[in-house]
PDB file of N, CA and C in Angstrom:
ATOM      1  N   UNK A   1     125.524  97.659  70.663  1.00  0.00           N
ATOM      2  CA  UNK A   1     125.039  97.146  71.888  1.00  0.00           C
ATOM      3  C   UNK A   1     124.313  97.750  73.183  1.00  0.00           C
ATOM      4  N   UNK A   2     124.339  98.486  73.425  1.00  0.00           N
ATOM      5  CA  UNK A   2     123.200  99.328  74.072  1.00  0.00           C
ATOM      6  C   UNK A   2     121.967  99.799  73.307  1.00  0.00           C
ATOM      7  N   UNK A   3     122.260  99.854  71.572  1.00  0.00           N
ATOM      8  CA  UNK A   3     121.093 100.147  71.329  1.00  0.00           C
ATOM      9  C   UNK A   3     120.035  98.739  70.988  1.00  0.00           C
ATOM     10  N   UNK A   4     120.674  97.864  70.667  1.00  0.00           N
ATOM     11  CA  UNK A   4     120.140  96.682  70.522  1.00  0.00           C
ATOM     12  C   UNK A   4     119.265  96.417  72.319  1.00  0.00           C
ATOM     13  N   UNK A   5     120.181  96.718  73.114  1.00  0.00           N
ATOM     14  CA  UNK A   5     119.643  96.319  74.673  1.00  0.00           C
ATOM     15  C   UNK A   5     118.688  97.684  74.657  1.00  0.00           C
ATOM     16  N   UNK A   6     118.707  98.744  74.784  1.00  0.00           N
ATOM     17  CA  UNK A   6     117.582  99.444  74.804  1.00  0.00           C
ATOM     18  C   UNK A   6     116.105  99.034  73.957  1.00  0.00           C
ATOM     19  N   UNK A   7     116.371  98.377  72.703  1.00  0.00           N
ATOM     20  CA  UNK A   7     115.072  98.152  72.227  1.00  0.00           C
ATOM     21  C   UNK A   7     114.192  96.930  72.821  1.00  0.00           C
ATOM     22  N   UNK A   8     115.603  95.918  72.776  1.00  0.00           N
ATOM     23  CA  UNK A   8     115.240  94.816  73.652  1.00  0.00           C
ATOM     24  C   UNK A   8     113.980  94.717  74.918  1.00  0.00           C
ATOM     25  N   UNK A   9     114.781  95.834  75.695  1.00  0.00           N
ATOM     26  CA  UNK A   9     114.868  95.642  77.558  1.00  0.00           C
ATOM     27  C   UNK A   9     115.147  96.928  78.059  1.00  0.00           C
ATOM     28  N   UNK A  10     113.827  98.412  77.406  1.00  0.00           N
ATOM     29  CA  UNK A  10     114.499  99.426  77.690  1.00  0.00           C
ATOM     30  C   UNK A  10     113.895  99.808  78.973  1.00  0.00           C
ATOM     31  N   UNK A  11     114.761 100.405  79.763  1.00  0.00           N
ATOM     32  CA  UNK A  11     114.343 100.672  81.454  1.00  0.00           C
ATOM     33  C   UNK A  11     112.581 101.129  81.788  1.00  0.00           C
ATOM     34  N   UNK A  12     112.014 101.702  80.607  1.00  0.00           N
ATOM     35  CA  UNK A  12     111.058 101.960  80.906  1.00  0.00           C
ATOM     36  C   UNK A  12     110.013 100.343  81.230  1.00  0.00           C
ATOM     37  N   UNK A  13     110.526  99.432  80.796  1.00  0.00           N
ATOM     38  CA  UNK A  13     109.638  98.229  80.720  1.00  0.00           C
ATOM     39  C   UNK A  13     110.309  97.017  81.750  1.00  0.00           C
ATOM     40  N   UNK A  14     111.216  97.666  82.016  1.00  0.00           N
ATOM     41  CA  UNK A  14     112.050  96.566  83.285  1.00  0.00           C
ATOM     42  C   UNK A  14     111.653  97.329  84.271  1.00  0.00           C
ATOM     43  N   UNK A  15     110.611  97.795  84.846  1.00  0.00           N
ATOM     44  CA  UNK A  15     111.171  97.725  86.474  1.00  0.00           C
ATOM     45  C   UNK A  15     109.877  97.006  87.339  1.00  0.00           C
ATOM     46  N   UNK A  16     110.771  96.661  88.566  1.00  0.00           N
ATOM     47  CA  UNK A  16     109.728  95.252  89.345  1.00  0.00           C
ATOM     48  C   UNK A  16     110.769  94.358  88.882  1.00  0.00           C
ATOM     49  N   UNK A  17     110.010  93.086  88.917  1.00  0.00           N
ATOM     50  CA  UNK A  17     110.815  91.805  89.256  1.00  0.00           C
ATOM     51  C   UNK A  17     110.585  91.005  87.658  1.00  0.00           C
ATOM     52  N   UNK A  18     109.318  91.277  87.038  1.00  0.00           N
ATOM     53  CA  UNK A  18     109.395  90.613  85.160  1.00  0.00           C
ATOM     54  C   UNK A  18     108.821  91.507  84.385  1.00  0.00           C
ATOM     55  N   UNK A  19     109.104  91.999  83.216  1.00  0.00           N
ATOM     56  CA  UNK A  19     109.008  92.508  82.418  1.00  0.00           C
ATOM     57  C   UNK A  19     107.601  92.518  82.022  1.00  0.00           C
ATOM     58  N   UNK A  20     106.795  94.292  81.427  1.00  0.00           N
ATOM     59  CA  UNK A  20     105.622  94.159  81.138  1.00  0.00           C
ATOM     60  C   UNK A  20     105.213  93.033  80.529  1.00  0.00           C
ATOM     61  N   UNK A  21     106.025  92.516  79.432  1.00  0.00           N
ATOM     62  CA  UNK A  21     105.593  91.888  78.008  1.00  0.00           C
ATOM     63  C   UNK A  21     105.517  90.286  78.647  1.00  0.00           C
ATOM     64  N   UNK A  22     106.137  89.705  79.457  1.00  0.00           N
ATOM     65  CA  UNK A  22     106.524  88.900  79.809  1.00  0.00           C
ATOM     66  C   UNK A  22     105.064  88.595  80.979  1.00  0.00           C
ATOM     67  N   UNK A  23     104.422  89.563  81.615  1.00  0.00           N
ATOM     68  CA  UNK A  23     103.334  89.751  82.299  1.00  0.00           C
ATOM     69  C   UNK A  23     101.651  89.638  80.684  1.00  0.00           C
ATOM     70  N   UNK A  24     102.010  90.729  79.939  1.00  0.00           N
ATOM     71  CA  UNK A  24     100.892  90.599  79.086  1.00  0.00           C
ATOM     72  C   UNK A  24     100.634  89.364  78.234  1.00  0.00           C
ATOM     73  N   UNK A  25     102.136  88.446  77.700  1.00  0.00           N
ATOM     74  CA  UNK A  25     102.252  86.980  77.226  1.00  0.00           C
ATOM     75  C   UNK A  25     101.451  86.530  78.225  1.00  0.00           C
ATOM     76  N   UNK A  26     101.967  86.614  79.550  1.00  0.00           N
ATOM     77  CA  UNK A  26     101.573  85.342  80.581  1.00  0.00           C
ATOM     78  C   UNK A  26      99.816  85.478  80.848  1.00  0.00           C
ATOM     79  N   UNK A  27      99.022  86.304  80.455  1.00  0.00           N
ATOM     80  CA  UNK A  27      97.621  86.426  80.989  1.00  0.00           C
ATOM     81  C   UNK A  27      97.156  86.268  79.638  1.00  0.00           C
ATOM     82  N   UNK A  28      98.023  86.441  78.457  1.00  0.00           N
ATOM     83  CA  UNK A  28      96.835  85.961  77.582  1.00  0.00           C
ATOM     84  C   UNK A  28      96.162  87.424  76.935  1.00  0.00           C
ATOM     85  N   UNK A  29      96.357  88.634  76.707  1.00  0.00           N
ATOM     86  CA  UNK A  29      95.939  89.053  76.646  1.00  0.00           C
ATOM     87  C   UNK A  29      96.090  90.062  75.073  1.00  0.00           C
ATOM     88  N   UNK A  30      95.182  90.149  74.113  1.00  0.00           N
ATOM     89  CA  UNK A  30      95.509  90.335  72.888  1.00  0.00           C
ATOM     90  C   UNK A  30      96.312  91.820  72.614  1.00  0.00           C
ATOM     91  N   UNK A  31      96.139  92.449  71.684  1.00  0.00           N
ATOM     92  CA  UNK A  31      96.542  93.732  71.221  1.00  0.00           C
ATOM     93  C   UNK A  31      95.908  95.007  72.422  1.00  0.00           C
ATOM     94  N   UNK A  32      94.388  94.932  71.755  1.00  0.00           N
ATOM     95  CA  UNK A  32      94.154  96.392  73.083  1.00  0.00           C
ATOM     96  C   UNK A  32      94.063  96.188  74.570  1.00  0.00           C
ATOM     97  N   UNK A  33      94.409  94.971  75.220  1.00  0.00           N
ATOM     98  CA  UNK A  33      94.406  94.852  76.768  1.00  0.00           C
ATOM     99  C   UNK A  33      95.570  94.610  76.829  1.00  0.00           C
ATOM    100  N   UNK A  34      96.753  94.394  75.211  1.00  0.00           N
ATOM    101  CA  UNK A  34      98.464  94.171  76.961  1.00  0.00           C
ATOM    102  C   UNK A  34      98.991  95.985  76.092  1.00  0.00           C
ATOM    103  N   UNK A  35      98.178  96.576  76.032  1.00  0.00           N
ATOM    104  CA  UNK A  35      98.345  98.372  75.156  1.00  0.00           C
ATOM    105  C   UNK A  35      98.217  99.071  76.719  1.00  0.00           C
ATOM    106  N   UNK A  36      96.835  98.673  76.664  1.00  0.00           N
ATOM    107  CA  UNK A  36      96.354  99.467  78.179  1.00  0.00           C
ATOM    108  C   UNK A  36      97.398  99.100  79.191  1.00  0.00           C
ATOM    109  N   UNK A  37      97.167  97.867  79.500  1.00  0.00           N
ATOM    110  CA  UNK A  37      98.516  96.959  80.834  1.00  0.00           C
ATOM    111  C   UNK A  37     100.451  97.815  79.887  1.00  0.00           C
ATOM    112  N   UNK A  38     100.947  98.054  79.355  1.00  0.00           N
ATOM    113  CA  UNK A  38     101.657  98.905  78.993  1.00  0.00           C
ATOM    114  C   UNK A  38     102.050  99.920  79.658  1.00  0.00           C
ATOM    115  N   UNK A  39     100.493 100.633  78.982  1.00  0.00           N
ATOM    116  CA  UNK A  39     101.092 102.497  78.722  1.00  0.00           C
ATOM    117  C   UNK A  39     100.789 103.026  80.391  1.00  0.00           C
ATOM    118  N   UNK A  40      99.409 101.860  80.957  1.00  0.00           N
ATOM    119  CA  UNK A  40     100.012 102.354  82.175  1.00  0.00           C
ATOM    120  C   UNK A  40     101.140 101.713  83.400  1.00  0.00           C
ATOM    121  N   UNK A  41     101.728 100.702  83.028  1.00  0.00           N
ATOM    122  CA  UNK A  41     102.937 100.359  83.579  1.00  0.00           C
ATOM    123  C   UNK A  41     103.834 101.352  83.474  1.00  0.00           C
ATOM    124  N   UNK A  42     104.447 101.475  82.409  1.00  0.00           N
ATOM    125  CA  UNK A  42     105.296 102.464  82.089  1.00  0.00           C
ATOM    126  C   UNK A  42     105.104 104.015  82.000  1.00  0.00           C
ATOM    127  N   UNK A  43     104.087 104.173  83.024  1.00  0.00           N
ATOM    128  CA  UNK A  43     103.301 106.052  82.262  1.00  0.00           C
ATOM    129  C   UNK A  43     104.483 107.093  83.081  1.00  0.00           C
ATOM    130  N   UNK A  44     104.835 106.581  84.393  1.00  0.00           N
ATOM    131  CA  UNK A  44     105.363 107.367  85.477  1.00  0.00           C
ATOM    132  C   UNK A  44     106.565 107.054  84.902  1.00  0.00           C
ATOM    133  N   UNK A  45     107.669 106.364  84.373  1.00  0.00           N
ATOM    134  CA  UNK A  45     109.068 105.947  83.890  1.00  0.00           C
ATOM    135  C   UNK A  45     109.314 106.781  82.786  1.00  0.00           C
ATOM    136  N   UNK A  46     108.586 106.508  81.904  1.00  0.00           N
ATOM    137  CA  UNK A  46     109.404 106.968  80.333  1.00  0.00           C
ATOM    138  C   UNK A  46     109.505 108.027  80.184  1.00  0.00           C
ATOM    139  N   UNK A  47     108.547 109.306  80.741  1.00  0.00           N
ATOM    140  CA  UNK A  47     109.094 110.616  80.382  1.00  0.00           C
ATOM    141  C   UNK A  47     108.311 111.471  79.924  1.00  0.00           C
ATOM    142  N   UNK A  48     107.268 111.249  79.532  1.00  0.00           N
ATOM    143  CA  UNK A  48     106.156 111.853  79.136  1.00  0.00           C
ATOM    144  C   UNK A  48     104.805 111.048  79.643  1.00  0.00           C
ATOM    145  N   UNK A  49     103.893 111.226  80.985  1.00  0.00           N
ATOM    146  CA  UNK A  49     103.282 110.652  81.790  1.00  0.00           C
ATOM    147  C   UNK A  49     101.703 110.578  81.208  1.00  0.00           C
ATOM    148  N   UNK A  50     102.033 112.332  80.989  1.00  0.00           N
ATOM    149  CA  UNK A  50     100.515 112.084  80.373  1.00  0.00           C
ATOM    150  C   UNK A  50     100.482 111.684  78.905  1.00  0.00           C
ATOM    151  N   UNK A  51     101.033 111.700  78.348  1.00  0.00           N
ATOM    152  CA  UNK A  51     100.852 110.799  76.848  1.00  0.00           C
ATOM    153  C   UNK A  51     100.878 109.335  76.664  1.00  0.00           C
ATOM    154  N   UNK A  52     101.313 108.902  78.277  1.00  0.00           N
ATOM    155  CA  UNK A  52     101.434 107.270  77.674  1.00  0.00           C
ATOM    156  C   UNK A  52      99.796 107.408  78.528  1.00  0.00           C
ATOM    157  N   UNK A  53      98.784 108.313  79.733  1.00  0.00           N
ATOM    158  CA  UNK A  53      98.397 107.427  80.065  1.00  0.00           C
ATOM    159  C   UNK A  53      96.895 108.253  78.999  1.00  0.00           C
ATOM    160  N   UNK A  54      96.975 108.831  77.888  1.00  0.00           N
ATOM    161  CA  UNK A  54      95.726 109.147  76.857  1.00  0.00           C
ATOM    162  C   UNK A  54      96.140 107.923  75.827  1.00  0.00           C
ATOM    163  N   UNK A  55      97.591 107.453  75.693  1.00  0.00           N
ATOM    164  CA  UNK A  55      97.712 106.167  74.624  1.00  0.00           C
ATOM    165  C   UNK A  55      96.655 104.988  75.457  1.00  0.00           C
ATOM    166  N   UNK A  56      96.448 104.610  77.220  1.00  0.00           N
ATOM    167  CA  UNK A  56      96.257 103.885  77.690  1.00  0.00           C
ATOM    168  C   UNK A  56      94.629 103.576  77.458  1.00  0.00           C
ATOM    169  N   UNK A  57      94.571 105.593  77.923  1.00  0.00           N
ATOM    170  CA  UNK A  57      92.653 105.527  77.412  1.00  0.00           C
ATOM    171  C   UNK A  57      92.448 105.546  76.277  1.00  0.00           C
ATOM    172  N   UNK A  58      93.438 105.618  74.892  1.00  0.00           N
ATOM    173  CA  UNK A  58      92.474 105.068  73.792  1.00  0.00           C
ATOM    174  C   UNK A  58      92.085 104.146  73.382  1.00  0.00           C
ATOM    175  N   UNK A  59      93.461 103.155  74.044  1.00  0.00           N
ATOM    176  CA  UNK A  59      92.993 101.546  73.709  1.00  0.00           C
ATOM    177  C   UNK A  59      91.785 100.945  74.728  1.00  0.00           C
ATOM    178  N   UNK A  60      91.884 101.747  75.926  1.00  0.00           N
ATOM    179  CA  UNK A  60      90.886 101.033  76.655  1.00  0.00           C
ATOM    180  C   UNK A  60      89.207 101.399  75.911  1.00  0.00           C
ATOM    181  N   UNK A  61      89.673 103.075  75.629  1.00  0.00           N
ATOM    182  CA  UNK A  61      88.650 102.995  74.791  1.00  0.00           C
ATOM    183  C   UNK A  61      87.435 102.018  73.734  1.00  0.00           C
ATOM    184  N   UNK A  62      88.728 102.007  73.110  1.00  0.00           N
ATOM    185  CA  UNK A  62      88.232 100.778  72.235  1.00  0.00           C
ATOM    186  C   UNK A  62      87.708  99.415  72.633  1.00  0.00           C
ATOM    187  N   UNK A  63      88.560  98.805  73.947  1.00  0.00           N
ATOM    188  CA  UNK A  63      88.502  98.050  74.126  1.00  0.00           C
ATOM    189  C   UNK A  63      86.711  97.915  74.782  1.00  0.00           C
ATOM    190  N   UNK A  64      86.434  98.902  75.708  1.00  0.00           N
ATOM    191  CA  UNK A  64      85.353  99.226  76.100  1.00  0.00           C
ATOM    192  C   UNK A  64      84.450  98.842  75.133  1.00  0.00           C
ATOM    193  N   UNK A  65      84.731  99.733  73.796  1.00  0.00           N
ATOM    194  CA  UNK A  65      83.961  99.716  72.769  1.00  0.00           C
ATOM    195  C   UNK A  65      83.618  98.064  72.444  1.00  0.00           C
ATOM    196  N   UNK A  66      84.331  97.224  72.070  1.00  0.00           N
ATOM    197  CA  UNK A  66      84.437  95.948  71.453  1.00  0.00           C
ATOM    198  C   UNK A  66      83.817  95.437  72.538  1.00  0.00           C
ATOM    199  N   UNK A  67      83.844  95.803  73.657  1.00  0.00           N
ATOM    200  CA  UNK A  67      82.793  94.638  74.283  1.00  0.00           C
ATOM    201  C   UNK A  67      81.549  95.536  74.606  1.00  0.00           C
ATOM    202  N   UNK A  68      81.033  96.463  74.444  1.00  0.00           N
ATOM    203  CA  UNK A  68      79.297  97.198  74.278  1.00  0.00           C
ATOM    204  C   UNK A  68      79.421  96.720  73.353  1.00  0.00           C
ATOM    205  N   UNK A  69      79.977  96.317  72.001  1.00  0.00           N
ATOM    206  CA  UNK A  69      79.034  95.388  70.788  1.00  0.00           C
ATOM    207  C   UNK A  69      79.247  93.885  70.817  1.00  0.00           C
ATOM    208  N   UNK A  70      79.874  92.998  71.277  1.00  0.00           N
ATOM    209  CA  UNK A  70      79.609  92.371  71.561  1.00  0.00           C
ATOM    210  C   UNK A  70      78.274  91.755  72.570  1.00  0.00           C
ATOM    211  N   UNK A  71      77.748  92.482  73.482  1.00  0.00           N
ATOM    212  CA  UNK A  71      77.207  92.102  74.338  1.00  0.00           C
ATOM    213  C   UNK A  71      75.503  92.864  73.544  1.00  0.00           C
ATOM    214  N   UNK A  72      75.840  93.573  72.737  1.00  0.00           N
ATOM    215  CA  UNK A  72      74.196  94.279  71.896  1.00  0.00           C
ATOM    216  C   UNK A  72      74.606  92.881  70.698  1.00  0.00           C
ATOM    217  N   UNK A  73      75.570  91.731  70.614  1.00  0.00           N
ATOM    218  CA  UNK A  73      75.350  90.600  69.821  1.00  0.00           C
ATOM    219  C   UNK A  73      75.832  91.087  68.228  1.00  0.00           C
TER     220      UNK A  73
END
């Protein structure tokens, strides 16, 4: 049962009053946006802070490129 609980509600996602996934869904974020939020929200608590910040950076860079492409038409 502990494994299932760790899959559904890992400690690094459940800090604070709401889970990160609930915030992402409430805001209607897409895949790129949600991953930026997810990795920023957990980077201090998961045990690999620099790795999670780099992952957030990766998704943020893709999000920026997408928005730049939309502006160009």
